[in-house]
């Protein structure tokens, strides 16, 4: 890794969305030094060709884990100019922990929050128990909610009378948790979104299982838009779990341009 001038500002990016790699690459081109955190070795692959200071791999389980990274940087690398939270919109715990630790340490912190698209062809639900308000009896419902929500979504869908199927991501954790859930082994498919970004595999599953409706999360990004398009084109109902509301006292931006403006303003505060 090349040696860089000490005056270059250093950012810590905690990633968990597709924007993470794009933001890191663009920030490097603008002269920022970048340390990236990812949850797994698989997630680190897109970053390996970038000229990063460091790639930190593994989940940050406790507030102490986060504190150690920030304090270690202050000791060995003149500290972080800012900590940037690019984790998933539904990763509630990690965002709360990062924000709390940064506030305690006086560490500048910015949360990137995807803009919410106002697309009308969906029913918004606050919680999966709201599915009881819909007639799902004998309907074939496809879950695309992420493995952490799979069991809960399955229970309420099934209790509403639905025949439940699921699409899960092609990684060991997702497969392991799906196999330990209550969903039948013949009723889920393992997909890699990067190999099916045009939606043809998802459409094939819809036809194979004669799906009447899809349940996903209001997470923004390509995946949400994909399900909007599929459901609209195939005449399916779409239910979306509403995104957690933004936390009070957290600096949030919804675009790369706003992130840059905010980062540049920190040194003047």
Protein backbone atom coordinates (compact mmCIF):
# COMPACT_ATOMS: atom_id res chain seq x y z
CA UNK A 1 0.00 0.00 0.00
CA UNK A 2 1.39 3.36 -0.99
CA UNK A 3 2.54 5.91 1.57
CA UNK A 4 0.36 9.02 1.61
CA UNK A 5 0.78 12.48 3.02
CA UNK A 6 -0.30 12.87 6.62
CA UNK A 7 -2.43 15.88 5.81
CA UNK A 8 -4.85 13.84 3.73
CA UNK A 9 -8.07 13.37 5.71
CA UNK A 10 -8.91 9.82 6.70
CA UNK A 11 -12.44 8.39 6.64
CA UNK A 12 -13.81 5.21 8.16
CA UNK A 13 -16.59 3.77 5.99
CA UNK A 14 -18.83 1.10 7.49
CA UNK A 15 -20.46 -0.58 4.54
CA UNK A 16 -23.35 -2.92 3.91
CA UNK A 17 -25.00 -1.63 0.75
CA UNK A 18 -24.10 -1.48 -2.93
CA UNK A 19 -23.24 2.20 -2.57
CA UNK A 20 -20.31 1.36 -0.30
CA UNK A 21 -17.90 0.41 -3.07
CA UNK A 22 -19.00 3.29 -5.32
CA UNK A 23 -18.59 5.84 -2.53
CA UNK A 24 -15.20 4.46 -1.50
CA UNK A 25 -13.91 4.58 -5.07
CA UNK A 26 -15.13 8.14 -5.62
CA UNK A 27 -13.78 9.39 -2.31
CA UNK A 28 -10.35 7.91 -3.10
CA UNK A 29 -10.35 9.74 -6.43
CA UNK A 30 -11.05 12.98 -4.59
CA UNK A 31 -8.02 12.47 -2.32
CA UNK A 32 -9.49 11.04 0.86
CA UNK A 33 -7.77 8.20 2.71
CA UNK A 34 -10.21 5.37 3.34
CA UNK A 35 -10.52 2.54 5.83
CA UNK A 36 -13.48 0.24 5.10
CA UNK A 37 -15.35 -2.15 7.38
CA UNK A 38 -17.20 -5.13 5.89
CA UNK A 39 -18.98 -8.00 7.61
CA UNK A 40 -17.37 -10.89 5.71
CA UNK A 41 -14.51 -11.92 3.45
CA UNK A 42 -16.98 -12.24 0.59
CA UNK A 43 -18.11 -8.64 1.13
CA UNK A 44 -14.48 -7.46 1.04
CA UNK A 45 -13.82 -8.74 -2.49
CA UNK A 46 -15.04 -5.62 -4.38
CA UNK A 47 -12.72 -3.46 -2.26
CA UNK A 48 -9.52 -5.43 -2.71
CA UNK A 49 -8.44 -3.59 -5.87
CA UNK A 50 -8.92 -0.16 -4.30
CA UNK A 51 -6.00 1.70 -2.76
CA UNK A 52 -7.42 1.61 0.77
CA UNK A 53 -5.59 2.20 4.02
CA UNK A 54 -7.15 -0.91 5.49
CA UNK A 55 -10.06 -3.35 5.13
CA UNK A 56 -11.54 -4.40 8.47
CA UNK A 57 -13.41 -7.69 8.12
CA UNK A 58 -15.99 -9.04 10.55
CA UNK A 59 -19.09 -7.82 12.35
CA UNK A 60 -18.69 -5.09 14.96
CA UNK A 61 -20.53 -6.83 17.78
CA UNK A 62 -20.19 -4.38 20.65
CA UNK A 63 -19.78 -0.68 21.23
CA UNK A 64 -16.32 -1.49 22.55
CA UNK A 65 -15.37 -2.91 19.13
CA UNK A 66 -16.29 0.40 17.52
CA UNK A 67 -14.54 2.43 20.21
CA UNK A 68 -11.34 0.40 19.78
CA UNK A 69 -11.17 1.13 16.05
CA UNK A 70 -11.61 4.87 16.55
CA UNK A 71 -9.11 5.13 19.41
CA UNK A 72 -6.56 2.94 17.62
CA UNK A 73 -6.76 5.26 14.63
CA UNK A 74 -6.14 8.27 16.87
CA UNK A 75 -3.03 6.60 18.26
CA UNK A 76 -1.53 5.32 15.01
CA UNK A 77 -3.08 7.31 12.12
CA UNK A 78 -3.95 10.77 13.45
CA UNK A 79 -7.59 9.73 13.83
CA UNK A 80 -10.56 9.75 11.47
CA UNK A 81 -11.80 12.97 9.94
CA UNK A 82 -15.24 11.37 9.98
CA UNK A 83 -17.00 8.02 10.42
CA UNK A 84 -19.46 7.36 7.59
CA UNK A 85 -22.27 4.86 8.14
CA UNK A 86 -23.18 3.15 4.86
CA UNK A 87 -24.81 0.14 6.47
CA UNK A 88 -28.18 -1.26 5.40
CA UNK A 89 -31.29 0.82 6.19
CA UNK A 90 -32.57 -2.02 8.38
CA UNK A 91 -29.28 -2.49 10.27
CA UNK A 92 -30.75 -0.71 13.28
CA UNK A 93 -28.41 -1.96 15.98
CA UNK A 94 -25.12 -1.03 14.31
CA UNK A 95 -26.26 2.49 13.40
CA UNK A 96 -27.41 3.12 16.97
CA UNK A 97 -24.10 1.84 18.36
CA UNK A 98 -21.91 3.81 15.94
CA UNK A 99 -23.81 7.03 16.60
CA UNK A 100 -23.60 6.59 20.37
CA UNK A 101 -19.86 5.84 20.44
CA UNK A 102 -19.02 8.69 18.08
CA UNK A 103 -20.99 11.11 20.23
CA UNK A 104 -19.21 9.93 23.36
CA UNK A 105 -15.78 10.33 21.73
CA UNK A 106 -16.50 13.61 19.98
CA UNK A 107 -15.98 11.85 16.65
CA UNK A 108 -17.69 13.42 13.61
CA UNK A 109 -20.26 11.00 12.20
CA UNK A 110 -22.51 10.99 9.13
CA UNK A 111 -25.20 8.49 8.23
CA UNK A 112 -25.97 7.89 4.54
CA UNK A 113 -29.69 7.17 4.18
CA UNK A 114 -31.07 6.17 0.80
CA UNK A 115 -33.79 8.46 -0.50
CA UNK A 116 -37.28 6.94 -0.38
CA UNK A 117 -38.90 6.57 -3.79
CA UNK A 118 -42.59 7.37 -3.87
CA UNK A 119 -43.69 4.41 -5.97
CA UNK A 120 -47.40 3.71 -5.71
CA UNK A 121 -47.77 0.02 -6.58
CA UNK A 122 -47.12 -1.28 -3.06
CA UNK A 123 -48.85 -1.74 0.29
CA UNK A 124 -46.72 -0.36 3.13
CA UNK A 125 -46.78 -2.26 6.41
CA UNK A 126 -45.21 -1.09 9.68
CA UNK A 127 -44.70 -4.65 10.94
CA UNK A 128 -45.24 -8.13 9.59
CA UNK A 129 -48.24 -8.67 11.86
CA UNK A 130 -50.05 -6.11 9.67
CA UNK A 131 -50.33 -8.87 7.06
CA UNK A 132 -53.31 -10.11 9.08
CA UNK A 133 -55.24 -7.17 7.61
CA UNK A 134 -55.03 -8.66 4.12
CA UNK A 135 -56.73 -11.67 2.59
CA UNK A 136 -53.84 -14.06 1.94
CA UNK A 137 -55.81 -17.30 2.23
CA UNK A 138 -54.54 -19.81 -0.36
CA UNK A 139 -52.38 -17.11 -1.96
CA UNK A 140 -48.83 -17.97 -2.99
CA UNK A 141 -46.58 -15.39 -1.37
CA UNK A 142 -42.86 -14.91 -2.09
CA UNK A 143 -40.68 -13.53 0.70
CA UNK A 144 -37.70 -11.37 -0.29
CA UNK A 145 -37.13 -9.79 3.10
CA UNK A 146 -33.61 -10.77 4.13
CA UNK A 147 -32.78 -13.75 6.28
CA UNK A 148 -33.03 -11.89 9.60
CA UNK A 149 -36.72 -11.21 8.97
CA UNK A 150 -37.50 -14.51 7.24
CA UNK A 151 -38.92 -16.48 10.17
CA UNK A 152 -41.15 -13.65 11.40
CA UNK A 153 -42.46 -12.88 7.91
CA UNK A 154 -43.05 -16.59 7.32
CA UNK A 155 -45.08 -17.02 10.51
CA UNK A 156 -47.46 -14.13 9.86
CA UNK A 157 -47.85 -15.00 6.17
CA UNK A 158 -48.59 -18.63 6.95
CA UNK A 159 -50.96 -17.73 9.79
CA UNK A 160 -52.84 -15.55 7.31
CA UNK A 161 -53.42 -18.65 5.18
CA UNK A 162 -50.75 -18.10 2.54
CA UNK A 163 -48.58 -20.68 0.80
CA UNK A 164 -45.15 -19.27 1.56
CA UNK A 165 -42.02 -19.30 -0.60
CA UNK A 166 -38.75 -17.42 -0.25
CA UNK A 167 -35.80 -16.08 -2.19
CA UNK A 168 -32.60 -16.00 -0.13
CA UNK A 169 -29.11 -14.75 -0.86
CA UNK A 170 -26.29 -17.06 -1.92
CA UNK A 171 -24.10 -16.86 1.17
CA UNK A 172 -23.47 -19.38 3.97
CA UNK A 173 -25.23 -17.40 6.71
CA UNK A 174 -28.41 -16.92 4.69
CA UNK A 175 -28.56 -20.57 3.67
CA UNK A 176 -27.86 -21.79 7.21
CA UNK A 177 -30.54 -19.58 8.78
CA UNK A 178 -33.06 -20.48 6.09
CA UNK A 179 -32.50 -24.19 6.66
CA UNK A 180 -33.07 -23.67 10.39
CA UNK A 181 -36.30 -21.74 9.79
CA UNK A 182 -39.78 -23.21 9.47
CA UNK A 183 -40.00 -22.78 5.71
CA UNK A 184 -40.09 -25.99 3.68
CA UNK A 185 -36.83 -26.86 1.95
CA UNK A 186 -38.66 -27.19 -1.36
CA UNK A 187 -40.10 -23.69 -1.00
CA UNK A 188 -37.00 -21.50 -1.15
CA UNK A 189 -34.48 -20.65 -3.85
CA UNK A 190 -30.92 -19.41 -3.40
CA UNK A 191 -30.01 -16.57 -5.75
CA UNK A 192 -27.06 -14.31 -6.33
CA UNK A 193 -28.46 -10.83 -7.16
CA UNK A 194 -25.37 -9.91 -9.20
CA UNK A 195 -26.18 -12.77 -11.55
CA UNK A 196 -29.85 -11.93 -11.85
CA UNK A 197 -30.00 -8.15 -11.77
CA UNK A 198 -32.36 -8.05 -14.77
CA UNK A 199 -34.93 -9.99 -12.80
CA UNK A 200 -35.32 -12.89 -15.21
CA UNK A 201 -34.56 -15.53 -12.55
CA UNK A 202 -36.97 -13.89 -10.11
CA UNK A 203 -39.65 -13.83 -12.81
CA UNK A 204 -39.03 -17.50 -13.49
CA UNK A 205 -39.59 -18.26 -9.80
CA UNK A 206 -42.82 -16.26 -9.85
CA UNK A 207 -44.05 -18.35 -12.77
CA UNK A 208 -42.82 -21.67 -11.33
CA UNK A 209 -44.51 -21.16 -7.97
CA UNK A 210 -47.53 -19.27 -9.39
CA UNK A 211 -46.84 -16.37 -7.04
CA UNK A 212 -49.69 -13.96 -6.27
CA UNK A 213 -47.74 -11.44 -4.21
CA UNK A 214 -44.29 -10.47 -2.95
CA UNK A 215 -43.18 -9.18 0.44
CA UNK A 216 -39.94 -7.17 0.61
CA UNK A 217 -38.43 -4.34 2.63
CA UNK A 218 -38.47 -0.62 1.84
CA UNK A 219 -34.69 -0.64 1.72
CA UNK A 220 -34.22 1.47 -1.39
CA UNK A 221 -31.64 0.68 -4.02
CA UNK A 222 -31.71 -1.77 -6.90
CA UNK A 223 -33.39 -4.65 -5.10
CA UNK A 224 -36.48 -2.70 -4.09
CA UNK A 225 -36.82 -1.19 -7.56
CA UNK A 226 -36.50 -4.66 -9.09
CA UNK A 227 -39.47 -5.98 -7.14
CA UNK A 228 -41.53 -2.91 -7.99
CA UNK A 229 -40.92 -3.53 -11.67
CA UNK A 230 -41.56 -7.28 -11.51
CA UNK A 231 -44.80 -6.92 -9.57
CA UNK A 232 -46.06 -4.14 -11.81
CA UNK A 233 -45.26 -6.02 -15.02
CA UNK A 234 -46.64 -9.36 -13.81
CA UNK A 235 -49.73 -8.05 -12.03
CA UNK A 236 -48.63 -9.10 -8.54
CA UNK A 237 -49.41 -7.53 -5.19
CA UNK A 238 -46.40 -6.04 -3.39
CA UNK A 239 -46.11 -5.51 0.35
CA UNK A 240 -43.18 -3.55 1.73
CA UNK A 241 -42.00 -3.39 5.33
CA UNK A 242 -41.55 0.30 6.07
CA UNK A 243 -38.02 1.48 6.62
CA UNK A 244 -37.09 2.29 10.23
CA UNK A 245 -37.49 6.00 10.87
CA UNK A 246 -34.35 8.11 10.99
CA UNK A 247 -32.83 8.50 14.41
CA UNK A 248 -33.01 11.83 16.15
CA UNK A 249 -29.76 13.81 16.38
CA UNK A 250 -28.10 11.78 13.60
CA UNK A 251 -26.58 13.65 10.68
CA UNK A 252 -28.07 12.01 7.58
CA UNK A 253 -27.51 12.65 3.90
CA UNK A 254 -29.23 10.98 0.95
CA UNK A 255 -26.70 11.44 -1.84
CA UNK A 256 -22.96 11.35 -2.52
CA UNK A 257 -22.96 15.05 -3.35
CA UNK A 258 -24.50 15.93 0.02
CA UNK A 259 -22.00 13.65 1.75
CA UNK A 260 -19.07 15.54 0.19
CA UNK A 261 -20.51 18.90 1.21
CA UNK A 262 -21.01 17.65 4.77
CA UNK A 263 -17.50 16.16 4.96
CA UNK A 264 -15.90 19.38 3.77
CA UNK A 265 -17.87 21.42 6.28
CA UNK A 266 -16.65 19.40 9.27
CA UNK A 267 -13.24 21.07 9.40
CA UNK A 268 -14.95 24.47 9.55
CA UNK A 269 -17.20 23.60 12.49
